[in-house]
């Protein structure tokens, strides 16, 4: 028999855990839908029931407080059910890219000490190549998976955990993110840091952020009285911080999360979902999603059947290019507010660009967050209009630090003037009006459609090809994806009979698909500096010159 989300109260003396906060929101949400995907709807009571049963299965295999539960899934009910189940045990969910291959999976699962891995069936072959005795749960398999893998739906038939196994747990999540080393870094968000972000859904509505379960229930009811909890469509993958944080904020607000059924961007389905479920907020990945969405709106208008998007109050993107052109096209068609954020897995916010009308759109200009600064080499604030370049720093909600890397933690989270700041390395300046101009990360990492690609690991994959002696990988600007991955390879004569697609496929067999080069430049020798080091600026010039004659946008 299904238990109710409010069956056992949290003891008053314990500090509110993430699981407790979410359960309190579920109590106040009542019979409101928690998640919708296609024709299926899950209410808050069912979400809590399935998560409690999944928690029971995880606990039966030794998952408990402080354990890590890895999740390699597409946006789905199962993703959020697993997140909530981990919270109920005081365990820490960790996001795994569903595009990873076996070597990448082996590294991240060992690095995070994953006690369990909940993965999509598309990863099954790669998972079988990864050693370890962790619990493996597979989502979406049509046939019985090979032992020791357990079907996800069987796990949610387990006896439930009826309350948090670790009431008052200090744990939150581990967010895998890019860095400068060529391998993902785990950012540890404890309970306080994570709730600091999630409570922002109430601040945004002008309500005092709740500190106790009773206050959560009160704020959810107040939010409903102010016009209703949000209906959010996170198009950004939940494996990225932006999508995940918005989904969890929505659950804390007692709102509804909508998912599209397509695993790749289907712009028409997106707008049908907005129309059908009166979506109020959408989370996208800059122009990579914005351009196709604009094209779908325009096509529907030409066909005489424009979409009704009047319910949409906001669209949010973070950390990728969202051009003024695409913003203006969206604003011509709806009364929403466009929210372009500068934030990072390491903290934030650093800056924000709000646009409620076409007149508000300013290409490449942001408002510096009240909790942020731009610091020079002496940790002093740079001056507007001087051309000074500094690093962004934020005193907003922050994680504990990097997993297993105290030295890097000390470099990125620094105490300045008695205040702890996150300083991940993004460069910026201020124009004469005090507006923030983002200049990018100073480490050469390629950002393609929101995915970070480390040149060194693609180069290492390329030189394993028998015809490639040297390779240098760079990012080249692209109107849709922000940047695309381009490889400069040598020697050209040895590669005369090797097609570009063969080299790209060679990388794709070793790394995630988004890391494959979208263009190949063949040279007799890789450009080098007088000191013999690879000259990346020269390689980038070669790549840009190679692509300049092309007139079509790249496609992935």
Protein backbone atom coordinates (compact mmCIF):
# COMPACT_ATOMS: atom_id res chain seq x y z
CA UNK A 1 0.00 0.00 0.00
CA UNK A 2 1.36 3.42 -0.97
CA UNK A 3 2.52 5.55 1.91
CA UNK A 4 1.84 9.26 2.09
CA UNK A 5 4.69 11.79 1.73
CA UNK A 6 3.89 13.15 5.20
CA UNK A 7 3.75 9.86 7.09
CA UNK A 8 6.67 10.58 9.42
CA UNK A 9 7.65 14.11 10.46
CA UNK A 10 11.24 15.29 10.75
CA UNK A 11 12.38 15.73 14.37
CA UNK A 12 12.50 19.44 15.16
CA UNK A 13 16.05 19.33 16.54
CA UNK A 14 17.54 18.14 13.22
CA UNK A 15 18.54 20.58 10.52
CA UNK A 16 16.40 20.24 7.41
CA UNK A 17 17.88 17.81 4.88
CA UNK A 18 17.28 18.04 1.13
CA UNK A 19 14.99 15.00 1.31
CA UNK A 20 13.00 16.55 4.15
CA UNK A 21 12.60 19.81 2.25
CA UNK A 22 11.36 17.99 -0.86
CA UNK A 23 8.94 15.86 1.17
CA UNK A 24 7.50 18.96 2.83
CA UNK A 25 6.95 20.51 -0.60
CA UNK A 26 5.21 17.32 -1.74
CA UNK A 27 2.85 17.50 1.22
CA UNK A 28 1.83 21.04 0.30
CA UNK A 29 1.58 20.23 -3.41
CA UNK A 30 -1.17 17.70 -2.74
CA UNK A 31 -2.55 16.08 -5.89
CA UNK A 32 -0.72 18.41 -8.29
CA UNK A 33 1.27 16.58 -11.01
CA UNK A 34 4.98 16.35 -10.20
CA UNK A 35 6.15 15.13 -13.64
CA UNK A 36 4.63 14.81 -17.10
CA UNK A 37 6.15 13.08 -20.13
CA UNK A 38 4.09 12.26 -23.17
CA UNK A 39 0.85 10.63 -22.03
CA UNK A 40 2.13 9.70 -18.57
CA UNK A 41 1.71 11.81 -15.44
CA UNK A 42 3.20 11.12 -12.01
CA UNK A 43 1.86 12.86 -8.92
CA UNK A 44 3.86 13.79 -5.85
CA UNK A 45 2.62 10.82 -3.82
CA UNK A 46 3.61 8.36 -6.56
CA UNK A 47 7.01 10.03 -7.00
CA UNK A 48 7.65 9.71 -3.27
CA UNK A 49 6.45 6.10 -3.23
CA UNK A 50 8.66 5.00 -6.13
CA UNK A 51 11.65 6.87 -4.74
CA UNK A 52 11.14 5.25 -1.32
CA UNK A 53 11.04 1.77 -2.89
CA UNK A 54 14.11 2.52 -4.99
CA UNK A 55 15.84 3.74 -1.83
CA UNK A 56 15.01 0.40 -0.24
CA UNK A 57 16.65 -1.46 -3.12
CA UNK A 58 19.74 0.76 -2.94
CA UNK A 59 19.98 0.36 0.83
CA UNK A 60 19.75 -3.41 0.39
CA UNK A 61 23.01 -3.24 -1.57
CA UNK A 62 24.84 -1.14 0.99
CA UNK A 63 24.06 2.37 -0.21
CA UNK A 64 23.80 4.71 2.76
CA UNK A 65 24.82 8.11 4.13
CA UNK A 66 27.69 9.58 2.15
CA UNK A 67 27.56 6.90 -0.59
CA UNK A 68 27.46 8.03 -4.20
CA UNK A 69 24.77 6.98 -6.66
CA UNK A 70 25.79 7.56 -10.26
CA UNK A 71 23.08 8.42 -12.81
CA UNK A 72 23.62 8.02 -16.55
CA UNK A 73 20.12 8.75 -17.89
CA UNK A 74 18.30 10.99 -20.30
CA UNK A 75 15.74 13.47 -18.95
CA UNK A 76 13.08 11.21 -17.49
CA UNK A 77 11.01 10.25 -14.48
CA UNK A 78 13.67 7.69 -13.53
CA UNK A 79 16.30 10.41 -13.29
CA UNK A 80 14.42 12.38 -10.65
CA UNK A 81 13.19 9.24 -8.87
CA UNK A 82 16.81 8.19 -8.46
CA UNK A 83 17.83 11.64 -7.21
CA UNK A 84 15.08 11.65 -4.56
CA UNK A 85 15.86 8.05 -3.57
CA UNK A 86 19.52 8.93 -2.99
CA UNK A 87 18.53 11.92 -0.86
CA UNK A 88 16.29 9.70 1.27
CA UNK A 89 19.36 7.62 2.18
CA UNK A 90 21.66 10.56 2.78
CA UNK A 91 23.56 9.44 -0.33
CA UNK A 92 24.93 11.76 -2.98
CA UNK A 93 23.68 11.58 -6.57
CA UNK A 94 26.37 12.14 -9.21
CA UNK A 95 25.65 12.98 -12.85
CA UNK A 96 27.18 10.79 -15.56
CA UNK A 97 27.14 11.82 -19.22
CA UNK A 98 24.96 9.35 -21.13
CA UNK A 99 27.28 9.70 -24.15
CA UNK A 100 30.30 8.24 -22.37
CA UNK A 101 32.11 5.15 -23.61
CA UNK A 102 33.65 2.42 -21.45
CA UNK A 103 37.00 4.15 -20.68
CA UNK A 104 35.21 7.34 -19.63
CA UNK A 105 32.69 5.42 -17.53
CA UNK A 106 35.46 3.45 -15.84
CA UNK A 107 37.22 6.64 -14.82
CA UNK A 108 34.21 8.56 -13.45
CA UNK A 109 32.70 5.58 -11.60
CA UNK A 110 36.02 4.83 -9.90
CA UNK A 111 36.79 8.50 -9.27
CA UNK A 112 33.43 9.08 -7.54
CA UNK A 113 33.50 5.70 -5.71
CA UNK A 114 30.02 5.02 -7.07
CA UNK A 115 28.20 2.40 -4.99
CA UNK A 116 25.44 2.15 -7.60
CA UNK A 117 25.02 3.13 -11.24
CA UNK A 118 21.56 3.74 -12.68
CA UNK A 119 21.99 3.85 -16.44
CA UNK A 120 20.06 3.93 -19.68
CA UNK A 121 19.95 0.75 -21.72
CA UNK A 122 21.91 2.49 -24.49
CA UNK A 123 24.95 2.32 -22.19
CA UNK A 124 24.59 -1.41 -21.49
CA UNK A 125 27.42 -2.60 -23.75
CA UNK A 126 29.84 -0.06 -22.30
CA UNK A 127 28.78 -0.79 -18.72
CA UNK A 128 29.63 -4.48 -19.24
CA UNK A 129 33.23 -3.45 -19.98
CA UNK A 130 33.59 -1.62 -16.66
CA UNK A 131 34.79 -3.77 -13.73
CA UNK A 132 33.46 -3.30 -10.21
CA UNK A 133 31.00 -4.73 -7.71
CA UNK A 134 28.62 -1.76 -7.60
CA UNK A 135 24.86 -2.18 -7.98
CA UNK A 136 23.83 -1.74 -11.62
CA UNK A 137 20.25 -0.74 -12.49
CA UNK A 138 19.23 -0.49 -16.14
CA UNK A 139 16.40 1.72 -17.41
CA UNK A 140 14.50 0.99 -20.62
CA UNK A 141 15.68 -2.51 -21.50
CA UNK A 142 13.20 -4.44 -23.65
CA UNK A 143 14.62 -7.79 -22.57
CA UNK A 144 15.99 -9.04 -19.26
CA UNK A 145 19.47 -7.51 -18.85
CA UNK A 146 22.44 -9.77 -18.30
CA UNK A 147 23.35 -10.44 -14.66
CA UNK A 148 24.39 -8.76 -12.45
CA UNK A 149 22.40 -5.87 -13.97
CA UNK A 150 18.94 -5.40 -12.41
CA UNK A 151 15.98 -3.85 -14.28
CA UNK A 152 15.06 -0.47 -12.79
CA UNK A 153 11.37 -1.34 -12.57
CA UNK A 154 12.19 -4.40 -10.49
CA UNK A 155 14.12 -2.21 -8.05
CA UNK A 156 11.11 0.05 -7.53
CA UNK A 157 9.12 -2.99 -6.36
CA UNK A 158 11.35 -3.28 -3.26
CA UNK A 159 10.09 -2.68 0.26
CA UNK A 160 10.17 1.09 0.76
CA UNK A 161 12.21 3.23 3.08
CA UNK A 162 9.45 5.09 4.90
CA UNK A 163 11.54 8.01 6.03
CA UNK A 164 15.00 9.38 5.47
CA UNK A 165 17.53 6.77 6.52
CA UNK A 166 19.73 9.71 7.48
CA UNK A 167 17.41 12.43 8.80
CA UNK A 168 19.24 15.73 8.96
CA UNK A 169 21.80 14.50 6.42
CA UNK A 170 24.41 17.16 5.52
CA UNK A 171 24.92 15.68 2.05
CA UNK A 172 23.78 17.09 -1.28
CA UNK A 173 25.12 16.15 -4.70
CA UNK A 174 28.39 15.67 -6.55
CA UNK A 175 28.25 17.58 -9.82
CA UNK A 176 30.70 16.35 -12.44
CA UNK A 177 31.94 19.23 -14.52
CA UNK A 178 34.73 20.18 -16.87
CA UNK A 179 38.05 21.59 -15.73
CA UNK A 180 41.41 22.10 -17.36
CA UNK A 181 42.94 18.67 -16.86
CA UNK A 182 41.16 16.75 -19.60
CA UNK A 183 39.01 14.80 -17.13
CA UNK A 184 35.81 15.70 -15.28
CA UNK A 185 36.06 17.16 -11.81
CA UNK A 186 33.53 16.43 -9.09
CA UNK A 187 32.13 19.52 -7.37
CA UNK A 188 30.74 18.68 -3.92
CA UNK A 189 27.54 20.55 -3.10
CA UNK A 190 26.49 19.82 0.47
CA UNK A 191 22.98 20.31 1.85
CA UNK A 192 23.44 23.99 2.70
CA UNK A 193 24.93 24.97 -0.65
CA UNK A 194 22.34 23.01 -2.62
CA UNK A 195 19.38 24.33 -0.64
CA UNK A 196 20.86 27.81 -1.05
CA UNK A 197 20.35 27.43 -4.80
CA UNK A 198 16.98 25.70 -4.65
CA UNK A 199 15.44 28.22 -2.26
CA UNK A 200 15.98 30.84 -4.96
CA UNK A 201 12.66 29.77 -6.47
CA UNK A 202 10.96 31.48 -3.52
CA UNK A 203 13.19 34.56 -3.55
CA UNK A 204 12.35 34.98 -7.22
CA UNK A 205 8.66 35.16 -6.27
CA UNK A 206 9.30 37.71 -3.51
CA UNK A 207 8.93 35.19 -0.67
CA UNK A 208 11.27 34.63 2.26
CA UNK A 209 13.36 31.47 1.69
CA UNK A 210 12.16 28.67 4.02
CA UNK A 211 14.46 27.22 6.68
CA UNK A 212 12.25 24.47 8.12
CA UNK A 213 9.80 21.89 6.74
CA UNK A 214 6.85 23.90 8.10
CA UNK A 215 8.13 26.99 6.31
CA UNK A 216 8.53 25.01 3.07
CA UNK A 217 4.90 23.92 3.27
CA UNK A 218 3.83 27.50 3.97
CA UNK A 219 5.86 28.95 1.10
CA UNK A 220 4.50 26.41 -1.39
CA UNK A 221 0.95 27.35 -0.41
CA UNK A 222 1.82 31.06 -0.65
CA UNK A 223 3.32 30.47 -4.07
CA UNK A 224 0.11 28.83 -5.20
CA UNK A 225 -1.87 31.84 -3.92
CA UNK A 226 0.38 34.21 -5.87
CA UNK A 227 -0.51 32.64 -9.21
CA UNK A 228 0.46 29.02 -9.01
CA UNK A 229 3.65 26.96 -8.79
CA UNK A 230 5.80 26.85 -11.94
CA UNK A 231 5.35 24.43 -14.82
CA UNK A 232 8.90 23.92 -16.07
CA UNK A 233 10.22 22.31 -19.26
CA UNK A 234 13.95 21.62 -18.77
CA UNK A 235 15.29 21.08 -22.28
CA UNK A 236 18.82 21.32 -20.91
CA UNK A 237 19.93 17.80 -19.90
CA UNK A 238 19.53 17.01 -16.22
CA UNK A 239 23.13 15.74 -16.30
CA UNK A 240 24.10 19.43 -16.47
CA UNK A 241 23.81 21.69 -13.46
CA UNK A 242 21.44 24.19 -15.08
CA UNK A 243 18.83 21.58 -15.97
CA UNK A 244 19.17 19.68 -12.69
CA UNK A 245 18.98 22.73 -10.44
CA UNK A 246 15.87 24.01 -12.24
CA UNK A 247 14.18 20.62 -11.93
CA UNK A 248 14.91 20.38 -8.20
CA UNK A 249 13.81 24.01 -7.67
CA UNK A 250 10.53 23.10 -9.31
CA UNK A 251 9.98 20.14 -6.97
CA UNK A 252 10.79 22.30 -3.95
CA UNK A 253 8.17 24.80 -5.15
CA UNK A 254 5.53 22.10 -5.56
CA UNK A 255 5.49 22.73 -9.29
CA UNK A 256 5.30 20.46 -12.34
CA UNK A 257 8.21 19.28 -14.50
CA UNK A 258 7.50 18.43 -18.13
CA UNK A 259 9.80 16.28 -20.25
CA UNK A 260 9.69 15.82 -24.01
CA UNK A 261 9.65 12.24 -25.26
CA UNK A 262 12.33 12.76 -27.92
CA UNK A 263 15.91 12.17 -26.81
CA UNK A 264 17.21 14.82 -29.18
CA UNK A 265 15.82 18.28 -29.72
CA UNK A 266 12.46 18.11 -31.51
CA UNK A 267 11.49 21.78 -31.68
CA UNK A 268 7.93 21.03 -32.75
CA UNK A 269 7.42 18.69 -29.79
CA UNK A 270 8.81 21.38 -27.48
CA UNK A 271 6.22 23.92 -28.61
CA UNK A 272 3.43 21.34 -28.54
CA UNK A 273 4.38 20.57 -24.93
CA UNK A 274 4.36 24.27 -24.02
CA UNK A 275 0.93 24.65 -25.62
CA UNK A 276 -0.59 21.49 -24.15
CA UNK A 277 0.59 21.85 -20.55
CA UNK A 278 0.70 25.66 -20.25
CA UNK A 279 4.42 25.62 -19.52
CA UNK A 280 5.53 28.74 -17.65
CA UNK A 281 9.32 28.30 -17.72
CA UNK A 282 11.74 26.69 -20.17
CA UNK A 283 15.44 25.94 -19.74
CA UNK A 284 17.48 25.80 -22.97
CA UNK A 285 21.10 25.65 -24.15
CA UNK A 286 21.58 29.03 -25.85
CA UNK A 287 21.53 29.20 -29.63
CA UNK A 288 22.04 25.44 -29.94
CA UNK A 289 18.38 25.11 -28.91
CA UNK A 290 17.19 28.66 -29.52
CA UNK A 291 17.74 28.69 -33.29
CA UNK A 292 15.76 25.49 -34.00
CA UNK A 293 13.00 26.70 -31.65
CA UNK A 294 12.73 30.01 -33.53
CA UNK A 295 12.69 28.15 -36.85
CA UNK A 296 9.83 25.94 -35.66
CA UNK A 297 7.81 28.96 -34.56
CA UNK A 298 8.37 30.65 -37.91
CA UNK A 299 7.42 27.50 -39.84
CA UNK A 300 4.19 27.15 -37.87
CA UNK A 301 3.34 30.78 -38.58
CA UNK A 302 3.93 30.31 -42.32
CA UNK A 303 1.69 27.25 -42.25
CA UNK A 304 -1.10 29.29 -40.65
CA UNK A 305 -1.08 27.34 -37.38
CA UNK A 306 1.02 29.36 -34.93
CA UNK A 307 1.69 27.84 -31.53
CA UNK A 308 0.00 29.32 -28.49
CA UNK A 309 2.94 30.12 -26.19
CA UNK A 310 1.17 32.73 -24.11
CA UNK A 311 1.68 30.75 -20.88
CA UNK A 312 5.48 30.99 -21.18
CA UNK A 313 6.78 33.54 -18.68
CA UNK A 314 10.52 32.90 -18.95
CA UNK A 315 13.26 31.12 -20.88
CA UNK A 316 16.62 30.57 -19.20
CA UNK A 317 20.05 29.65 -20.52
CA UNK A 318 23.38 29.53 -18.74
CA UNK A 319 27.01 29.45 -19.77
CA UNK A 320 26.68 29.27 -23.58
CA UNK A 321 26.21 31.68 -26.46
CA UNK A 322 22.68 33.04 -26.82
CA UNK A 323 22.81 35.60 -29.59
CA UNK A 324 20.93 38.89 -29.76
CA UNK A 325 19.36 37.80 -33.05
CA UNK A 326 17.79 34.66 -31.57
CA UNK A 327 16.64 36.52 -28.46
CA UNK A 328 14.89 39.17 -30.58
CA UNK A 329 13.15 36.51 -32.67
CA UNK A 330 11.80 34.87 -29.50
CA UNK A 331 10.68 38.15 -27.97
CA UNK A 332 8.78 39.05 -31.16
CA UNK A 333 6.60 36.01 -30.57
CA UNK A 334 5.90 36.02 -26.85
CA UNK A 335 5.71 38.07 -23.70
CA UNK A 336 8.31 36.04 -21.83
CA UNK A 337 11.44 37.24 -20.03
CA UNK A 338 14.70 35.86 -21.38
CA UNK A 339 17.23 35.11 -18.63
CA UNK A 340 20.82 34.68 -19.80
CA UNK A 341 22.95 33.63 -16.82
CA UNK A 342 26.66 33.49 -16.18
CA UNK A 343 27.22 30.76 -13.62
CA UNK A 344 29.37 27.72 -13.13
CA UNK A 345 29.27 24.34 -11.45
CA UNK A 346 31.64 25.89 -8.92
CA UNK A 347 29.22 28.65 -7.91
CA UNK A 348 27.55 31.86 -8.92
CA UNK A 349 25.69 33.77 -10.05
CA UNK A 350 28.29 36.01 -11.68
CA UNK A 351 26.08 37.98 -14.03
CA UNK A 352 22.74 38.06 -15.76
CA UNK A 353 21.19 39.59 -18.86
CA UNK A 354 17.41 40.05 -18.65
CA UNK A 355 15.40 40.89 -21.75
CA UNK A 356 11.66 41.54 -21.64
CA UNK A 357 11.51 43.33 -24.99
CA UNK A 358 13.68 43.67 -28.09
CA UNK A 359 14.96 46.99 -26.76
CA UNK A 360 16.45 45.18 -23.74
CA UNK A 361 18.68 42.93 -25.84
CA UNK A 362 22.36 43.90 -25.63
CA UNK A 363 24.75 41.52 -27.36
CA UNK A 364 27.43 40.25 -25.00
CA UNK A 365 26.53 42.55 -22.10
CA UNK A 366 25.44 41.41 -18.63
CA UNK A 367 24.61 42.97 -15.28
CA UNK A 368 27.17 42.02 -12.64
CA UNK A 369 25.47 40.04 -9.86
CA UNK A 370 25.18 41.81 -6.47
CA UNK A 371 27.22 38.96 -4.94
CA UNK A 372 29.89 39.02 -7.65
CA UNK A 373 33.07 40.98 -8.36
CA UNK A 374 35.65 41.17 -11.14
CA UNK A 375 39.11 41.02 -9.59
CA UNK A 376 42.52 42.02 -10.89
CA UNK A 377 45.75 40.17 -10.09
CA UNK A 378 45.83 41.84 -6.66
CA UNK A 379 42.24 40.84 -5.80
CA UNK A 380 41.06 44.42 -6.27
CA UNK A 381 37.92 45.34 -8.21
CA UNK A 382 38.60 46.39 -11.79
CA UNK A 383 37.30 49.78 -12.89
CA UNK A 384 34.60 50.25 -15.55
CA UNK A 385 35.60 51.56 -18.96
CA UNK A 386 39.34 51.11 -18.44
CA UNK A 387 39.78 48.00 -20.56
CA UNK A 388 41.04 46.08 -17.53
CA UNK A 389 40.50 42.33 -17.63
CA UNK A 390 39.90 40.42 -14.43
CA UNK A 391 38.49 37.15 -13.13
CA UNK A 392 34.90 36.69 -12.03
CA UNK A 393 34.31 35.92 -8.36
CA UNK A 394 31.01 35.14 -6.62
CA UNK A 395 30.03 34.95 -2.96
CA UNK A 396 26.65 33.34 -3.78
CA UNK A 397 25.66 29.77 -2.79
CA UNK A 398 28.80 27.65 -2.92
CA UNK A 399 29.91 24.04 -2.86
CA UNK A 400 32.39 22.58 -0.40
CA UNK A 401 35.04 22.13 -3.07
CA UNK A 402 36.39 19.60 -5.55
CA UNK A 403 36.25 15.88 -4.87
CA UNK A 404 39.66 14.50 -3.84
CA UNK A 405 41.52 17.67 -4.82
CA UNK A 406 42.26 19.98 -1.87
CA UNK A 407 44.92 21.92 -3.78
CA UNK A 408 42.60 22.88 -6.61
CA UNK A 409 39.86 23.60 -4.07
CA UNK A 410 42.13 26.09 -2.33
CA UNK A 411 42.87 27.82 -5.65
CA UNK A 412 39.25 28.14 -6.80
CA UNK A 413 37.51 28.98 -3.50
CA UNK A 414 39.35 31.84 -1.90
CA UNK A 415 38.71 34.11 1.06
CA UNK A 416 38.98 37.75 -0.02
CA UNK A 417 38.27 40.60 2.38
CA UNK A 418 36.92 38.04 4.85
CA UNK A 419 34.41 36.58 2.37
CA UNK A 420 34.62 33.19 0.62
CA UNK A 421 34.41 33.52 -3.16
CA UNK A 422 34.22 31.04 -6.02
CA UNK A 423 36.81 32.04 -8.64
CA UNK A 424 36.69 29.36 -11.37
CA UNK A 425 38.74 31.37 -13.88
CA UNK A 426 36.30 33.12 -16.21
CA UNK A 427 37.71 36.37 -17.59
CA UNK A 428 35.63 39.53 -17.88
CA UNK A 429 35.77 43.31 -18.07
CA UNK A 430 33.38 46.19 -17.48
CA UNK A 431 32.32 48.71 -20.11
CA UNK A 432 31.95 52.41 -19.36
CA UNK A 433 28.37 51.87 -18.15
CA UNK A 434 29.46 49.16 -15.72
CA UNK A 435 28.05 46.30 -17.80
CA UNK A 436 29.87 42.99 -17.66
CA UNK A 437 31.58 41.72 -20.82
CA UNK A 438 32.34 37.98 -20.60
CA UNK A 439 35.63 37.08 -22.28
CA UNK A 440 35.63 33.37 -21.63
CA UNK A 441 37.70 30.84 -19.70
CA UNK A 442 41.41 31.30 -20.07
CA UNK A 443 42.24 27.62 -20.37
CA UNK A 444 41.39 26.66 -23.95
CA UNK A 445 38.46 24.39 -23.08
CA UNK A 446 36.02 24.17 -25.99
CA UNK A 447 32.35 24.81 -25.20
CA UNK A 448 30.19 23.27 -27.91
CA UNK A 449 26.45 23.49 -27.31
CA UNK A 450 27.00 23.52 -23.56
CA UNK A 451 29.30 20.47 -23.58
CA UNK A 452 32.91 21.02 -22.56
CA UNK A 453 35.60 19.40 -24.67
CA UNK A 454 39.21 19.22 -23.58
CA UNK A 455 41.56 19.51 -26.57
CA UNK A 456 44.19 17.24 -25.03
CA UNK A 457 41.96 14.17 -24.77
CA UNK A 458 40.76 14.51 -28.38
CA UNK A 459 44.37 14.93 -29.49
CA UNK A 460 45.32 11.78 -27.61
CA UNK A 461 42.53 9.87 -29.36
CA UNK A 462 43.56 11.16 -32.79
CA UNK A 463 47.21 10.15 -32.50
CA UNK A 464 46.19 6.54 -31.81
CA UNK A 465 45.22 6.41 -35.51
CA UNK A 466 48.09 4.75 -37.41
CA UNK A 467 48.24 7.56 -39.99
CA UNK A 468 48.27 10.48 -37.54
CA UNK A 469 51.61 11.52 -36.08
CA UNK A 470 50.56 14.80 -34.52
CA UNK A 471 47.30 16.57 -33.78
CA UNK A 472 46.14 19.82 -32.25
CA UNK A 473 42.48 20.44 -31.48
CA UNK A 474 40.88 23.90 -31.27
CA UNK A 475 37.46 25.46 -30.95
CA UNK A 476 36.17 27.55 -33.85
CA UNK A 477 33.20 29.93 -33.47
CA UNK A 478 29.91 28.58 -34.77
CA UNK A 479 26.60 30.49 -35.00
CA UNK A 480 24.53 27.69 -33.50
CA UNK A 481 26.80 25.73 -31.17
CA UNK A 482 28.99 28.55 -29.90
CA UNK A 483 32.07 26.57 -30.90
CA UNK A 484 32.76 23.43 -32.89
CA UNK A 485 35.66 21.03 -32.50
CA UNK A 486 38.23 21.24 -35.32
CA UNK A 487 41.35 19.05 -35.57
CA UNK A 488 44.60 20.02 -37.30
CA UNK A 489 46.47 16.78 -38.12
CA UNK A 490 49.79 15.81 -39.65
CA UNK A 491 51.41 14.58 -41.81
CA UNK A 492 49.13 15.35 -44.74
CA UNK A 493 50.74 12.89 -47.16
CA UNK A 494 50.18 9.92 -44.84
CA UNK A 495 46.53 10.93 -44.54
CA UNK A 496 45.83 11.33 -48.25
CA UNK A 497 43.77 8.14 -48.40
CA UNK A 498 42.03 8.63 -45.04
CA UNK A 499 38.64 10.35 -45.18
CA UNK A 500 37.65 13.01 -42.66
CA UNK A 501 34.73 10.88 -41.50
CA UNK A 502 37.09 8.00 -40.75
CA UNK A 503 39.18 10.18 -38.44
CA UNK A 504 36.08 11.59 -36.75
CA UNK A 505 34.68 8.08 -36.31
CA UNK A 506 38.02 6.96 -34.85
CA UNK A 507 37.61 9.55 -32.09
CA UNK A 508 33.94 8.67 -31.63
CA UNK A 509 34.85 5.05 -30.90
CA UNK A 510 36.96 6.21 -27.96
CA UNK A 511 35.19 9.32 -26.66
CA UNK A 512 31.67 10.73 -26.41
CA UNK A 513 30.16 11.76 -29.75
CA UNK A 514 30.17 15.48 -29.02
CA UNK A 515 33.99 15.35 -28.78
CA UNK A 516 34.39 14.20 -32.39
CA UNK A 517 36.01 16.78 -34.71
CA UNK A 518 33.46 18.41 -37.02
CA UNK A 519 36.20 19.42 -39.45
CA UNK A 520 39.72 18.16 -40.21
CA UNK A 521 42.61 20.33 -41.42
CA UNK A 522 45.59 18.42 -42.87
CA UNK A 523 49.07 19.93 -42.68
CA UNK A 524 52.58 18.64 -43.22
CA UNK A 525 53.62 19.76 -39.76
CA UNK A 526 51.80 21.09 -36.70
CA UNK A 527 52.61 24.78 -36.11
CA UNK A 528 55.02 25.28 -33.23
CA UNK A 529 56.57 28.17 -31.36
CA UNK A 530 60.32 28.85 -31.45
CA UNK A 531 60.54 26.95 -28.17
CA UNK A 532 59.05 23.90 -29.86
CA UNK A 533 55.66 24.09 -28.11
CA UNK A 534 52.43 23.70 -30.07
CA UNK A 535 51.29 27.09 -31.33
CA UNK A 536 47.55 26.91 -30.69
CA UNK A 537 46.77 30.43 -31.96
CA UNK A 538 48.34 29.52 -35.31
CA UNK A 539 46.48 26.23 -35.39
CA UNK A 540 43.24 28.09 -34.71
CA UNK A 541 43.98 30.46 -37.61
CA UNK A 542 44.47 27.46 -39.89
CA UNK A 543 41.15 26.01 -38.71
CA UNK A 544 39.24 29.27 -39.17
CA UNK A 545 40.76 29.74 -42.63
CA UNK A 546 39.81 26.19 -43.59
CA UNK A 547 36.17 26.76 -42.62
CA UNK A 548 35.80 30.31 -43.97
CA UNK A 549 34.61 29.29 -47.47
CA UNK A 550 31.79 27.24 -45.96
CA UNK A 551 28.41 28.94 -46.02
CA UNK A 552 26.30 26.43 -44.10
CA UNK A 553 26.05 26.11 -40.36
CA UNK A 554 27.63 23.05 -38.86
CA UNK A 555 25.36 20.22 -37.82
CA UNK A 556 25.87 17.68 -35.09
